[in-house]
Amino acid sequence: MTRPGIAAAAVCMSGLVLLLMVAARLIPETVALHVTLAEDGTPVLILPLVPAERFTLHYYHSVENAPIWEVHSMDALGMIFIEEERYAKFGAGMGKLPGVGRMVRKGNLEAVVDMHHPVGPFVLRVGSPGVAHTLIWRDRRFNLSEQFSHRRARFSGRPLTLYQRLCCLYESGRAGSWPKPI
């Protein structure tokens, strides 16, 4: 190969690398669930999600002491949806939304399934340790009540770029083995 050919190849390779770096920073590849303290925005959890991937809020009703599971998802733009709610005792959960989902039995639980109802960002008043508000994500459990009892937590979603995803979005952080925000 001649010197001009080597120089042209080097310029092309440099351009390709630059193009890939720009694309990695700009192309939304996934979304992140952001859980922050409502009063001051302090990050509690930032969890990457593939659009439509599910996460669950599990807790015990403060009066009935009945277990409840609220299954949520997020779209590619970060909109949060409720997909399903399961409970041992009807009325212990959020109740029925007219025209949303259908009631079924799942083992010994009642469930409203096929909801896909947009809820957007929301604020949860984290209950006492007995309520055990727990976020379940990819078979990992984060008990919010143990660390943030009686505080308001804001749940929101945001698209992430491939660059953010590749640069170690989370690692062990301030809440024991909980993810540390970027």
C-alpha atoms as a PDB file:
ATOM      1  CA  MET A   1       0.000   0.000   0.000  1.00  0.00           C
ATOM      2  CA  THR A   2       1.297   3.473  -0.856  1.00  0.00           C
ATOM      3  CA  ARG A   3       1.732   6.271   1.639  1.00  0.00           C
ATOM      4  CA  PRO A   4      -1.361   8.172   0.369  1.00  0.00           C
ATOM      5  CA  GLY A   5      -3.361   4.918   0.676  1.00  0.00           C
ATOM      6  CA  ILE A   6      -2.227   4.409   4.276  1.00  0.00           C
ATOM      7  CA  ALA A   7      -3.064   8.018   5.129  1.00  0.00           C
ATOM      8  CA  ALA A   8      -6.537   7.688   3.575  1.00  0.00           C
ATOM      9  CA  ALA A   9      -7.173   4.450   5.491  1.00  0.00           C
ATOM     10  CA  ALA A  10      -6.069   6.110   8.738  1.00  0.00           C
ATOM     11  CA  VAL A  11      -8.373   9.087   8.107  1.00  0.00           C
ATOM     12  CA  CYS A  12     -11.292   6.733   7.359  1.00  0.00           C
ATOM     13  CA  MET A  13     -10.643   4.687  10.500  1.00  0.00           C
ATOM     14  CA  SER A  14     -10.381   7.831  12.624  1.00  0.00           C
ATOM     15  CA  GLY A  15     -13.631   9.113  11.138  1.00  0.00           C
ATOM     16  CA  LEU A  16     -15.374   5.803  11.836  1.00  0.00           C
ATOM     17  CA  VAL A  17     -14.164   5.769  15.448  1.00  0.00           C
ATOM     18  CA  LEU A  18     -15.305   9.373  15.911  1.00  0.00           C
ATOM     19  CA  LEU A  19     -18.693   8.586  14.369  1.00  0.00           C
ATOM     20  CA  LEU A  20     -19.146   5.586  16.709  1.00  0.00           C
ATOM     21  CA  MET A  21     -18.205   7.684  19.737  1.00  0.00           C
ATOM     22  CA  VAL A  22     -20.743  10.373  18.813  1.00  0.00           C
ATOM     23  CA  ALA A  23     -23.441   7.748  18.175  1.00  0.00           C
ATOM     24  CA  ALA A  24     -22.718   6.073  21.521  1.00  0.00           C
ATOM     25  CA  ARG A  25     -23.293   9.395  23.287  1.00  0.00           C
ATOM     26  CA  LEU A  26     -26.456  10.350  21.431  1.00  0.00           C
ATOM     27  CA  ILE A  27     -28.476   7.257  20.544  1.00  0.00           C
ATOM     28  CA  PRO A  28     -30.959   6.273  23.270  1.00  0.00           C
ATOM     29  CA  GLU A  29     -30.341   2.595  23.802  1.00  0.00           C
ATOM     30  CA  THR A  30     -32.258   2.006  26.995  1.00  0.00           C
ATOM     31  CA  VAL A  31     -34.076   3.824  29.779  1.00  0.00           C
ATOM     32  CA  ALA A  32     -33.419   4.252  33.474  1.00  0.00           C
ATOM     33  CA  LEU A  33     -35.769   4.205  36.411  1.00  0.00           C
ATOM     34  CA  HIS A  34     -34.778   7.077  38.696  1.00  0.00           C
ATOM     35  CA  VAL A  35     -35.883   6.908  42.318  1.00  0.00           C
ATOM     36  CA  THR A  36     -35.089  10.125  44.171  1.00  0.00           C
ATOM     37  CA  LEU A  37     -36.139  11.704  47.443  1.00  0.00           C
ATOM     38  CA  ALA A  38     -38.983  14.073  46.560  1.00  0.00           C
ATOM     39  CA  GLU A  39     -37.967  16.831  48.986  1.00  0.00           C
ATOM     40  CA  ASP A  40     -34.463  17.434  47.636  1.00  0.00           C
ATOM     41  CA  GLY A  41     -33.889  15.179  44.612  1.00  0.00           C
ATOM     42  CA  THR A  42     -31.256  13.025  46.325  1.00  0.00           C
ATOM     43  CA  PRO A  43     -30.778   9.899  44.184  1.00  0.00           C
ATOM     44  CA  VAL A  44     -31.855   6.665  45.851  1.00  0.00           C
ATOM     45  CA  LEU A  45     -31.671   4.258  42.893  1.00  0.00           C
ATOM     46  CA  ILE A  46     -30.979   4.516  39.181  1.00  0.00           C
ATOM     47  CA  LEU A  47     -31.741   1.261  37.411  1.00  0.00           C
ATOM     48  CA  PRO A  48     -31.312   0.617  33.676  1.00  0.00           C
ATOM     49  CA  LEU A  49     -34.294  -0.965  31.927  1.00  0.00           C
ATOM     50  CA  VAL A  50     -34.867  -2.223  28.425  1.00  0.00           C
ATOM     51  CA  PRO A  51     -38.083  -0.593  27.147  1.00  0.00           C
ATOM     52  CA  ALA A  52     -41.101  -2.713  28.249  1.00  0.00           C
ATOM     53  CA  GLU A  53     -38.989  -4.502  30.891  1.00  0.00           C
ATOM     54  CA  ARG A  54     -40.899  -4.864  34.129  1.00  0.00           C
ATOM     55  CA  PHE A  55     -40.122  -3.895  37.705  1.00  0.00           C
ATOM     56  CA  THR A  56     -42.315  -4.474  40.742  1.00  0.00           C
ATOM     57  CA  LEU A  57     -43.250  -2.573  43.872  1.00  0.00           C
ATOM     58  CA  HIS A  58     -44.109  -5.055  46.614  1.00  0.00           C
ATOM     59  CA  TYR A  59     -45.481  -4.034  49.999  1.00  0.00           C
ATOM     60  CA  TYR A  60     -47.904  -4.953  52.766  1.00  0.00           C
ATOM     61  CA  HIS A  61     -51.084  -2.931  53.167  1.00  0.00           C
ATOM     62  CA  SER A  62     -50.696  -0.861  56.329  1.00  0.00           C
ATOM     63  CA  VAL A  63     -54.200  -1.684  57.634  1.00  0.00           C
ATOM     64  CA  GLU A  64     -54.970  -5.134  56.213  1.00  0.00           C
ATOM     65  CA  ASN A  65     -51.346  -6.399  56.324  1.00  0.00           C
ATOM     66  CA  ALA A  66     -52.128  -8.037  52.962  1.00  0.00           C
ATOM     67  CA  PRO A  67     -49.318  -8.402  50.398  1.00  0.00           C
ATOM     68  CA  ILE A  68     -49.582  -6.341  47.203  1.00  0.00           C
ATOM     69  CA  TRP A  69     -47.496  -6.442  44.037  1.00  0.00           C
ATOM     70  CA  GLU A  70     -47.680  -3.584  41.537  1.00  0.00           C
ATOM     71  CA  VAL A  71     -45.956  -4.497  38.277  1.00  0.00           C
ATOM     72  CA  HIS A  72     -44.758  -1.568  36.176  1.00  0.00           C
ATOM     73  CA  SER A  73     -42.926  -1.041  32.892  1.00  0.00           C
ATOM     74  CA  MET A  74     -41.380   1.881  31.062  1.00  0.00           C
ATOM     75  CA  ASP A  75     -41.406   2.769  27.381  1.00  0.00           C
ATOM     76  CA  ALA A  76     -38.442   4.029  25.346  1.00  0.00           C
ATOM     77  CA  LEU A  77     -39.242   7.657  26.273  1.00  0.00           C
ATOM     78  CA  GLY A  78     -39.301   6.973  30.029  1.00  0.00           C
ATOM     79  CA  MET A  79     -43.111   6.903  30.519  1.00  0.00           C
ATOM     80  CA  ILE A  80     -44.032   4.586  33.415  1.00  0.00           C
ATOM     81  CA  PHE A  81     -47.019   2.253  33.023  1.00  0.00           C
ATOM     82  CA  ILE A  82     -48.788  -0.001  35.500  1.00  0.00           C
ATOM     83  CA  GLU A  83     -49.127  -3.431  33.894  1.00  0.00           C
ATOM     84  CA  GLU A  84     -50.537  -5.631  36.640  1.00  0.00           C
ATOM     85  CA  GLU A  85     -51.577  -5.596  40.267  1.00  0.00           C
ATOM     86  CA  ARG A  86     -51.774  -8.681  42.481  1.00  0.00           C
ATOM     87  CA  TYR A  87     -53.178  -8.883  45.990  1.00  0.00           C
ATOM     88  CA  ALA A  88     -54.484 -11.400  48.495  1.00  0.00           C
ATOM     89  CA  LYS A  89     -57.503  -9.314  49.476  1.00  0.00           C
ATOM     90  CA  PHE A  90     -59.546  -7.183  47.064  1.00  0.00           C
ATOM     91  CA  GLY A  91     -59.563  -3.524  48.009  1.00  0.00           C
ATOM     92  CA  ALA A  92     -56.110  -3.705  49.570  1.00  0.00           C
ATOM     93  CA  GLY A  93     -54.494  -2.382  46.387  1.00  0.00           C
ATOM     94  CA  MET A  94     -55.231   0.666  44.311  1.00  0.00           C
ATOM     95  CA  GLY A  95     -58.652  -0.635  43.321  1.00  0.00           C
ATOM     96  CA  LYS A  96     -60.174  -1.114  39.926  1.00  0.00           C
ATOM     97  CA  LEU A  97     -59.715   1.420  37.138  1.00  0.00           C
ATOM     98  CA  PRO A  98     -62.841   1.316  34.952  1.00  0.00           C
ATOM     99  CA  GLY A  99     -62.027  -0.057  31.505  1.00  0.00           C
ATOM    100  CA  VAL A 100     -58.415  -0.892  32.400  1.00  0.00           C
ATOM    101  CA  GLY A 101     -57.226  -4.505  32.539  1.00  0.00           C
ATOM    102  CA  ARG A 102     -59.129  -7.612  33.483  1.00  0.00           C
ATOM    103  CA  MET A 103     -59.549  -9.520  36.746  1.00  0.00           C
ATOM    104  CA  VAL A 104     -58.037 -13.021  36.958  1.00  0.00           C
ATOM    105  CA  ARG A 105     -56.967 -15.431  39.650  1.00  0.00           C
ATOM    106  CA  LYS A 106     -53.226 -16.183  39.961  1.00  0.00           C
ATOM    107  CA  GLY A 107     -52.827 -19.003  42.445  1.00  0.00           C
ATOM    108  CA  ASN A 108     -54.239 -17.724  45.728  1.00  0.00           C
ATOM    109  CA  LEU A 109     -54.105 -14.087  44.566  1.00  0.00           C
ATOM    110  CA  GLU A 110     -56.527 -11.815  42.756  1.00  0.00           C
ATOM    111  CA  ALA A 111     -54.935  -9.916  39.896  1.00  0.00           C
ATOM    112  CA  VAL A 112     -55.739  -7.174  37.464  1.00  0.00           C
ATOM    113  CA  VAL A 113     -53.723  -7.956  34.321  1.00  0.00           C
ATOM    114  CA  ASP A 114     -53.282  -6.455  30.849  1.00  0.00           C
ATOM    115  CA  MET A 115     -53.527  -2.943  32.249  1.00  0.00           C
ATOM    116  CA  HIS A 116     -50.775  -1.034  30.395  1.00  0.00           C
ATOM    117  CA  HIS A 117     -52.115   2.154  31.974  1.00  0.00           C
ATOM    118  CA  PRO A 118     -49.819   5.220  31.896  1.00  0.00           C
ATOM    119  CA  VAL A 119     -49.028   6.617  35.333  1.00  0.00           C
ATOM    120  CA  GLY A 120     -46.001   8.723  34.410  1.00  0.00           C
ATOM    121  CA  PRO A 121     -43.716   9.947  37.182  1.00  0.00           C
ATOM    122  CA  PHE A 122     -45.199   9.389  40.619  1.00  0.00           C
ATOM    123  CA  VAL A 123     -44.416   9.983  44.275  1.00  0.00           C
ATOM    124  CA  LEU A 124     -44.625   7.169  46.827  1.00  0.00           C
ATOM    125  CA  ARG A 125     -44.787   7.830  50.553  1.00  0.00           C
ATOM    126  CA  VAL A 126     -42.493   5.065  51.708  1.00  0.00           C
ATOM    127  CA  GLY A 127     -44.096   3.143  54.549  1.00  0.00           C
ATOM    128  CA  SER A 128     -42.653   1.911  57.808  1.00  0.00           C
ATOM    129  CA  PRO A 129     -40.477  -1.216  57.937  1.00  0.00           C
ATOM    130  CA  GLY A 130     -43.642  -3.297  58.511  1.00  0.00           C
ATOM    131  CA  VAL A 131     -45.066  -2.072  55.195  1.00  0.00           C
ATOM    132  CA  ALA A 132     -41.782  -3.123  53.551  1.00  0.00           C
ATOM    133  CA  HIS A 133     -42.023  -1.107  50.328  1.00  0.00           C
ATOM    134  CA  THR A 134     -39.626  -3.107  48.162  1.00  0.00           C
ATOM    135  CA  LEU A 135     -38.609  -2.473  44.573  1.00  0.00           C
ATOM    136  CA  ILE A 136     -37.917  -5.717  42.693  1.00  0.00           C
ATOM    137  CA  TRP A 137     -35.752  -5.440  39.583  1.00  0.00           C
ATOM    138  CA  ARG A 138     -34.078  -8.336  37.753  1.00  0.00           C
ATOM    139  CA  ASP A 139     -34.491 -10.616  40.783  1.00  0.00           C
ATOM    140  CA  ARG A 140     -32.844  -8.036  43.065  1.00  0.00           C
ATOM    141  CA  ARG A 141     -34.754  -6.520  45.966  1.00  0.00           C
ATOM    142  CA  PHE A 142     -34.322  -2.996  47.307  1.00  0.00           C
ATOM    143  CA  ASN A 143     -36.279  -2.484  50.535  1.00  0.00           C
ATOM    144  CA  LEU A 144     -37.046   1.226  50.504  1.00  0.00           C
ATOM    145  CA  SER A 145     -38.752   1.081  53.911  1.00  0.00           C
ATOM    146  CA  GLU A 146     -35.541   0.003  55.661  1.00  0.00           C
ATOM    147  CA  GLN A 147     -33.706   3.138  54.550  1.00  0.00           C
ATOM    148  CA  PHE A 148     -36.306   5.769  53.671  1.00  0.00           C
ATOM    149  CA  SER A 149     -39.274   5.072  55.939  1.00  0.00           C
ATOM    150  CA  HIS A 150     -41.864   7.907  56.058  1.00  0.00           C
ATOM    151  CA  ARG A 151     -40.139   9.844  53.286  1.00  0.00           C
ATOM    152  CA  ARG A 152     -41.479  10.606  49.825  1.00  0.00           C
ATOM    153  CA  ALA A 153     -39.736   8.901  46.905  1.00  0.00           C
ATOM    154  CA  ARG A 154     -40.229  10.114  43.343  1.00  0.00           C
ATOM    155  CA  PHE A 155     -40.208   7.498  40.571  1.00  0.00           C
ATOM    156  CA  SER A 156     -39.442   8.754  37.061  1.00  0.00           C
ATOM    157  CA  GLY A 157     -37.965   7.454  33.841  1.00  0.00           C
ATOM    158  CA  ARG A 158     -35.427   8.839  31.410  1.00  0.00           C
ATOM    159  CA  PRO A 159     -33.900   7.572  28.181  1.00  0.00           C
ATOM    160  CA  LEU A 160     -30.210   6.669  28.432  1.00  0.00           C
ATOM    161  CA  THR A 161     -27.630   6.881  25.722  1.00  0.00           C
ATOM    162  CA  LEU A 162     -25.480   3.910  24.807  1.00  0.00           C
ATOM    163  CA  TYR A 163     -22.523   5.862  26.190  1.00  0.00           C
ATOM    164  CA  GLN A 164     -24.180   6.164  29.618  1.00  0.00           C
ATOM    165  CA  ARG A 165     -25.015   2.480  29.568  1.00  0.00           C
ATOM    166  CA  LEU A 166     -21.463   1.469  28.665  1.00  0.00           C
ATOM    167  CA  CYS A 167     -19.841   3.722  31.263  1.00  0.00           C
ATOM    168  CA  CYS A 168     -20.859   1.656  34.284  1.00  0.00           C
ATOM    169  CA  LEU A 169     -24.304   3.084  35.059  1.00  0.00           C
ATOM    170  CA  TYR A 170     -24.323   1.602  38.504  1.00  0.00           C
ATOM    171  CA  GLU A 171     -22.007   0.100  41.069  1.00  0.00           C
ATOM    172  CA  SER A 172     -22.037  -0.481  44.787  1.00  0.00           C
ATOM    173  CA  GLY A 173     -22.973   2.759  46.514  1.00  0.00           C
ATOM    174  CA  ARG A 174     -24.252   4.644  49.531  1.00  0.00           C
ATOM    175  CA  ALA A 175     -27.060   2.257  50.422  1.00  0.00           C
ATOM    176  CA  GLY A 176     -24.987  -0.869  50.973  1.00  0.00           C
ATOM    177  CA  SER A 177     -25.038  -2.916  47.794  1.00  0.00           C
ATOM    178  CA  TRP A 178     -27.494  -0.557  46.093  1.00  0.00           C
ATOM    179  CA  PRO A 179     -26.535   0.971  42.761  1.00  0.00           C
ATOM    180  CA  LYS A 180     -24.718   4.283  42.917  1.00  0.00           C
ATOM    181  CA  PRO A 181     -26.119   6.968  40.584  1.00  0.00           C
ATOM    182  CA  ILE A 182     -24.033   8.260  37.711  1.00  0.00           C
END
